[in-house]
Protein backbone atom coordinates (compact mmCIF):
# COMPACT_ATOMS: atom_id res chain seq x y z
CA MET A 1 -52.84 2.51 -40.00
CA THR A 2 -56.52 3.25 -39.35
CA ASP A 3 -57.71 6.05 -37.14
CA LEU A 4 -59.11 3.64 -34.62
CA HIS A 5 -61.15 5.03 -31.50
CA HIS A 6 -62.80 2.71 -28.89
CA GLY A 7 -66.26 3.72 -27.71
CA VAL A 8 -68.74 2.78 -25.31
CA PRO A 9 -72.52 3.58 -25.24
CA GLY A 10 -73.28 7.10 -23.86
CA GLU A 11 -69.84 8.32 -23.61
CA GLY A 12 -68.66 11.79 -24.68
CA GLY A 13 -71.68 13.62 -22.76
CA CYS A 14 -73.98 12.41 -25.44
CA SER A 15 -77.35 11.66 -24.09
CA VAL A 16 -78.85 8.47 -25.82
CA PRO A 17 -82.56 8.90 -26.59
CA SER A 18 -84.98 6.05 -26.92
CA GLY A 19 -87.82 4.96 -29.10
CA THR A 20 -89.37 7.39 -31.66
CA ASP A 21 -87.17 10.45 -30.46
CA ARG A 22 -83.91 8.40 -31.36
CA GLN A 23 -85.25 7.22 -34.72
CA GLY A 24 -86.11 10.85 -35.43
CA ARG A 25 -82.46 11.95 -34.62
CA LEU A 26 -81.09 8.86 -36.36
CA GLN A 27 -83.09 9.90 -39.43
CA ALA A 28 -81.52 13.45 -39.51
CA LEU A 29 -78.00 12.14 -38.74
CA CYS A 30 -77.87 9.22 -41.21
CA THR A 31 -79.22 11.23 -44.16
CA VAL A 32 -76.55 13.73 -44.47
CA GLU A 33 -73.90 13.63 -47.08
CA ASP A 34 -71.08 12.46 -44.70
CA ALA A 35 -73.13 9.86 -42.79
CA PRO A 36 -71.31 7.07 -41.00
CA ALA A 37 -71.45 3.58 -41.92
CA LEU A 38 -72.28 0.81 -39.60
CA LEU A 39 -70.22 -2.50 -39.74
CA LEU A 40 -71.25 -5.40 -37.79
CA VAL A 41 -68.64 -8.03 -37.17
CA GLY A 42 -69.57 -11.64 -36.32
CA HIS A 43 -67.55 -14.59 -35.60
CA GLY A 44 -68.71 -16.78 -38.28
CA SER A 45 -67.41 -20.30 -39.20
CA ALA A 46 -65.80 -22.08 -41.88
CA ARG A 47 -67.68 -25.29 -41.01
CA THR A 48 -71.32 -24.12 -40.84
CA GLU A 49 -73.53 -21.37 -42.29
CA ARG A 50 -75.58 -21.11 -39.23
CA ALA A 51 -72.88 -19.03 -37.59
CA ARG A 52 -73.46 -16.20 -39.92
CA LEU A 53 -77.17 -16.13 -40.17
CA PRO A 54 -77.83 -13.95 -36.90
CA THR A 55 -75.54 -11.26 -37.99
CA LEU A 56 -76.99 -11.05 -41.60
CA ALA A 57 -80.43 -10.98 -40.41
CA LEU A 58 -79.62 -8.20 -38.09
CA ALA A 59 -77.95 -6.32 -40.69
CA GLU A 60 -80.95 -6.70 -43.01
CA ARG A 61 -83.49 -5.72 -40.23
CA LEU A 62 -81.42 -2.51 -39.59
CA ARG A 63 -81.58 -1.77 -43.29
CA GLN A 64 -85.24 -2.14 -43.36
CA ARG A 65 -85.95 -0.28 -40.45
CA GLY A 66 -83.56 2.54 -41.37
CA PRO A 67 -82.43 5.20 -41.59
CA TRP A 68 -78.91 3.81 -41.93
CA CYS A 69 -77.46 4.67 -45.27
CA THR A 70 -74.96 1.85 -45.12
CA VAL A 71 -74.93 -1.34 -42.97
CA ALA A 72 -72.04 -3.79 -43.85
CA VAL A 73 -71.20 -7.01 -42.31
CA ALA A 74 -67.79 -8.83 -41.79
CA PHE A 75 -66.81 -12.12 -40.10
CA TRP A 76 -63.59 -13.34 -38.44
CA LYS A 77 -63.80 -16.95 -39.54
CA GLU A 78 -65.39 -16.60 -43.08
CA PRO A 79 -65.54 -13.94 -45.82
CA PRO A 80 -66.20 -11.06 -46.11
CA PHE A 81 -63.35 -10.53 -43.67
CA ILE A 82 -62.81 -7.26 -41.80
CA ARG A 83 -60.16 -5.81 -44.25
CA GLU A 84 -62.54 -6.77 -47.30
CA ALA A 85 -65.71 -5.16 -45.78
CA LEU A 86 -63.71 -1.90 -44.98
CA ALA A 87 -62.15 -1.80 -48.52
CA ALA A 88 -65.90 -1.61 -49.69
CA LEU A 89 -66.76 1.43 -47.70
CA THR A 90 -66.47 4.98 -48.59
CA ALA A 91 -67.99 6.71 -45.49
CA PRO A 92 -65.70 9.14 -43.50
CA ARG A 93 -66.52 7.49 -40.36
CA VAL A 94 -67.27 3.71 -39.74
CA ILE A 95 -68.95 2.50 -36.40
CA VAL A 96 -67.98 -1.15 -35.80
CA VAL A 97 -70.19 -3.07 -33.65
CA PRO A 98 -68.91 -6.59 -32.60
CA ASN A 99 -71.79 -9.15 -32.83
CA PHE A 100 -70.40 -11.17 -29.97
CA ALA A 101 -71.90 -12.38 -26.71
CA SER A 102 -69.27 -11.14 -24.67
CA ASP A 103 -66.29 -8.96 -24.35
CA GLY A 104 -63.07 -10.92 -24.44
CA ILE A 105 -59.83 -11.48 -26.44
CA PHE A 106 -61.77 -10.96 -30.00
CA THR A 107 -63.21 -7.47 -28.94
CA ARG A 108 -60.10 -6.40 -26.89
CA GLU A 109 -57.48 -7.67 -29.10
CA LYS A 110 -57.92 -9.49 -32.32
CA ILE A 111 -60.74 -7.18 -33.83
CA PRO A 112 -58.90 -4.04 -32.74
CA ALA A 113 -55.68 -5.39 -34.36
CA GLU A 114 -57.30 -6.20 -37.59
CA LEU A 115 -59.12 -2.88 -37.85
CA ALA A 116 -55.92 -1.04 -37.05
CA ALA A 117 -54.05 -2.89 -39.58
CA ALA A 118 -56.87 -2.36 -42.38
CA GLY A 119 -55.46 1.26 -43.28
CA TYR A 120 -58.93 2.55 -43.78
CA PRO A 121 -58.82 6.16 -44.71
CA GLY A 122 -61.54 7.58 -42.44
CA GLN A 123 -62.24 7.24 -38.86
CA VAL A 124 -63.10 3.84 -37.26
CA ILE A 125 -64.93 3.59 -34.00
CA LEU A 126 -65.07 0.33 -32.02
CA THR A 127 -67.79 -0.27 -29.62
CA GLY A 128 -68.21 -3.18 -26.92
CA ALA A 129 -69.79 -6.40 -27.73
CA ILE A 130 -73.46 -6.53 -28.14
CA GLY A 131 -73.70 -9.13 -25.30
CA ALA A 132 -72.10 -7.03 -22.88
CA HIS A 133 -74.76 -4.21 -23.22
CA PRO A 134 -76.91 -3.53 -20.09
CA LEU A 135 -80.07 -4.18 -22.09
CA VAL A 136 -79.06 -7.85 -22.40
CA GLU A 137 -80.06 -8.40 -18.81
CA GLN A 138 -83.65 -7.45 -19.66
CA ILE A 139 -83.70 -9.67 -22.57
CA MET A 140 -82.70 -12.60 -20.30
CA VAL A 141 -85.13 -11.68 -17.58
CA ARG A 142 -87.89 -11.71 -19.97
CA ARG A 143 -86.79 -14.95 -21.40
CA ILE A 144 -86.61 -16.56 -17.67
CA ASP A 145 -90.07 -15.16 -17.06
CA ALA A 146 -91.57 -16.72 -20.15
CA ALA A 147 -90.25 -19.93 -19.33
CA LEU A 148 -91.20 -19.75 -15.92
CA ALA A 149 -94.75 -19.02 -16.98
CA ARG A 150 -95.01 -22.40 -18.88
CA ILE A 151 -93.04 -24.24 -15.89
CA ARG A 152 -95.70 -22.94 -13.33
CA ALA A 153 -98.37 -23.97 -15.84
CA ALA A 154 -97.10 -27.49 -15.64
CA GLY A 155 -97.10 -27.46 -12.03
CA TRP A 156 -93.68 -26.61 -10.83
CA PRO A 157 -92.99 -23.94 -8.29
CA PRO A 158 -89.98 -21.48 -9.13
CA ASP A 159 -88.06 -22.69 -6.32
CA GLN A 160 -87.55 -26.11 -8.13
CA VAL A 161 -85.83 -24.50 -11.11
CA THR A 162 -82.30 -23.51 -11.97
CA VAL A 163 -81.24 -21.20 -14.80
CA LEU A 164 -78.04 -22.26 -16.42
CA LEU A 165 -76.39 -19.46 -18.39
CA VAL A 166 -74.02 -21.01 -20.82
CA GLY A 167 -70.94 -19.01 -22.05
CA HIS A 168 -68.07 -19.84 -24.23
CA GLY A 169 -65.22 -19.05 -21.91
CA SER A 170 -61.52 -19.52 -22.72
CA ARG A 171 -58.64 -21.48 -21.50
CA ARG A 172 -56.59 -18.36 -21.85
CA PRO A 173 -56.37 -15.46 -19.38
CA GLY A 174 -58.46 -12.49 -20.28
CA GLY A 175 -61.27 -14.52 -21.70
CA SER A 176 -65.01 -13.75 -22.06
CA SER A 177 -66.24 -15.31 -18.95
CA THR A 178 -66.39 -12.30 -16.66
CA THR A 179 -69.11 -11.01 -18.88
CA ILE A 180 -71.17 -14.12 -18.26
CA THR A 181 -70.36 -14.36 -14.59
CA GLN A 182 -71.54 -10.86 -13.96
CA LEU A 183 -74.52 -11.31 -15.84
CA ALA A 184 -75.48 -14.48 -13.88
CA ASP A 185 -74.95 -12.67 -10.70
CA ARG A 186 -77.44 -9.58 -11.93
CA LEU A 187 -79.88 -12.35 -13.01
CA ALA A 188 -80.01 -14.02 -9.76
CA ALA A 189 -80.66 -10.77 -8.00
CA ALA A 190 -83.47 -10.08 -10.55
CA VAL A 191 -85.41 -13.04 -10.54
CA HIS A 192 -87.40 -14.46 -7.72
CA GLY A 193 -87.31 -18.35 -7.03
CA PRO A 194 -84.94 -19.94 -9.43
CA ARG A 195 -81.18 -20.16 -8.78
CA VAL A 196 -78.87 -18.91 -11.53
CA HIS A 197 -75.40 -20.51 -12.31
CA ALA A 198 -73.21 -19.74 -15.11
CA CYS A 199 -71.14 -22.51 -16.88
CA PHE A 200 -68.88 -22.72 -19.97
CA ILE A 201 -67.94 -24.56 -22.99
CA GLU A 202 -64.18 -24.14 -22.61
CA GLU A 203 -63.62 -23.25 -19.00
CA ALA A 204 -64.79 -24.57 -15.44
CA PRO A 205 -67.45 -24.85 -14.42
CA LEU A 206 -67.99 -26.82 -17.55
CA VAL A 207 -71.46 -27.29 -19.28
CA THR A 208 -70.64 -31.05 -19.45
CA ASP A 209 -70.71 -31.10 -15.70
CA TRP A 210 -74.00 -29.18 -15.33
CA ARG A 211 -75.67 -31.99 -13.19
CA GLU A 212 -73.17 -31.32 -10.55
CA LEU A 213 -73.97 -27.41 -10.56
CA THR A 214 -77.62 -28.18 -9.67
CA ALA A 215 -80.02 -30.93 -8.14
CA SER A 216 -83.06 -28.83 -9.40
CA PRO A 217 -85.67 -31.04 -11.25
CA VAL A 218 -86.33 -28.32 -13.79
CA VAL A 219 -83.56 -26.46 -15.59
CA ILE A 220 -83.67 -23.38 -18.01
CA VAL A 221 -80.80 -23.33 -20.40
CA MET A 222 -79.84 -19.98 -21.79
CA PRO A 223 -76.77 -20.21 -24.04
CA MET A 224 -75.05 -16.78 -24.14
CA LEU A 225 -74.10 -17.24 -27.71
CA ILE A 226 -75.16 -15.28 -30.67
CA ALA A 227 -75.67 -18.23 -33.16
CA GLU A 228 -76.42 -21.67 -33.43
CA GLY A 229 -72.94 -22.45 -34.92
CA MET A 230 -70.78 -25.57 -34.06
CA HIS A 231 -70.78 -24.76 -30.38
CA GLY A 232 -74.55 -23.74 -30.21
CA SER A 233 -75.95 -26.58 -32.29
CA GLU A 234 -73.27 -29.71 -31.98
CA ASP A 235 -71.72 -29.03 -28.64
CA VAL A 236 -74.33 -27.45 -26.21
CA PRO A 237 -77.74 -28.94 -27.19
CA PRO A 238 -76.78 -32.76 -26.81
CA GLN A 239 -75.82 -32.11 -23.26
CA PHE A 240 -79.56 -31.38 -22.64
CA GLY A 241 -81.11 -34.18 -24.73
CA LEU A 242 -81.56 -32.00 -27.79
CA THR A 243 -80.27 -32.24 -31.41
CA ALA A 244 -78.98 -29.59 -33.64
CA GLU A 245 -82.43 -29.52 -35.54
CA ASP A 246 -84.13 -28.62 -32.22
CA VAL A 247 -82.31 -25.46 -32.41
CA ALA A 248 -82.37 -24.63 -36.08
CA PRO A 249 -83.50 -21.35 -37.33
CA SER A 250 -86.82 -22.74 -38.12
CA ALA A 251 -87.22 -24.13 -34.53
CA PRO A 252 -89.08 -22.21 -31.78
CA ASP A 253 -86.90 -19.89 -29.80
CA LEU A 254 -87.94 -21.66 -26.58
CA THR A 255 -88.17 -25.49 -26.67
CA GLY A 256 -89.47 -27.66 -23.81
CA PRO A 257 -90.19 -29.60 -21.78
CA VAL A 258 -87.27 -31.96 -22.74
CA ALA A 259 -86.72 -35.16 -20.53
CA CYS A 260 -83.09 -35.37 -20.05
CA GLY A 261 -82.52 -38.16 -17.65
CA ASP A 262 -84.39 -37.47 -14.41
CA ARG A 263 -84.47 -33.60 -15.30
CA GLN A 264 -86.82 -31.45 -17.22
CA VAL A 265 -85.33 -28.88 -19.53
CA TRP A 266 -86.44 -25.83 -21.12
CA TYR A 267 -83.91 -24.57 -23.82
CA TRP A 268 -83.63 -21.08 -25.14
CA ARG A 269 -81.71 -20.45 -28.53
CA GLY A 270 -78.82 -17.97 -28.43
CA ILE A 271 -79.61 -14.31 -28.05
CA GLY A 272 -78.77 -13.57 -31.65
CA SER A 273 -82.63 -14.65 -32.35
CA SER A 274 -83.78 -11.65 -30.07
CA PRO A 275 -85.53 -8.82 -31.90
CA ASP A 276 -84.20 -6.46 -29.23
CA LEU A 277 -80.78 -6.53 -30.42
CA ILE A 278 -81.64 -3.94 -32.89
CA ASP A 279 -82.17 -1.44 -30.28
CA ILE A 280 -79.02 -2.51 -28.63
CA ILE A 281 -77.02 -1.82 -31.61
CA GLU A 282 -78.45 1.51 -32.19
CA ASP A 283 -78.10 2.43 -28.64
CA MET A 284 -74.25 1.61 -28.87
CA ALA A 285 -73.86 3.52 -32.50
CA PHE A 286 -75.73 6.78 -31.44
CA PRO A 287 -73.22 8.48 -29.35
CA HIS A 288 -70.81 8.28 -32.19
CA LEU A 289 -72.81 9.40 -35.01
CA THR A 290 -71.86 13.21 -34.66
CA ARG A 291 -68.16 12.78 -33.98
């Protein structure tokens, strides 16, 4: 059985530096002979390659930015699977970061069980989901502010705007909705003017019923999804008058205004396109580098 440990950012009495100082310390820690490996685990999809692209892009950007010696990827729904990815690693310690939008059954049960059963000879440390990190709130606030700037320029005041935070949700107990609803509450307190509501693909309140959640003439849609996989490209965009091509990797991160009946929609791509996720990953991994 794998020597599996669960970690959270900043635990263990380790102060997490930022910016240049963190990069310098990472350089020192990651160039020693027994440097840990970093393993990003995405959901993936057997039906569309779009689901893997954000995880692959994050891994490549981490390699380019350095100083990680080894950055590997694995997926739940497509190869390389977790056991395959671990079998290819030789580091004495592997820090596993789930590239998921929220903590739920995958990060609490499925991924830990797979890691434990993999039989890795070294130590494996599992962090929380990227989307549950506190810095995600700052990313979302910046996205709201960017959309509001364009909405104001079009003549709409902020009190005529509603932000819809769209999560996956789950029909099973212990699903991922808590991360999303708590984030929606924090965003409502952080932004001034717009209302903020959470809705979900697989549990109430459903994204298909979004018109019943708000009467605002202008809506900012913010999917809390890492990738434009089947949900992010085929299920959610059509609810707001968009197509899969409107949220393709080559499309702008923010699309709008889009006429959807009598509403005006501004639509953000999933958070997997945010360059700030690199900082979040390093923040989550840093406390576990010296164990």
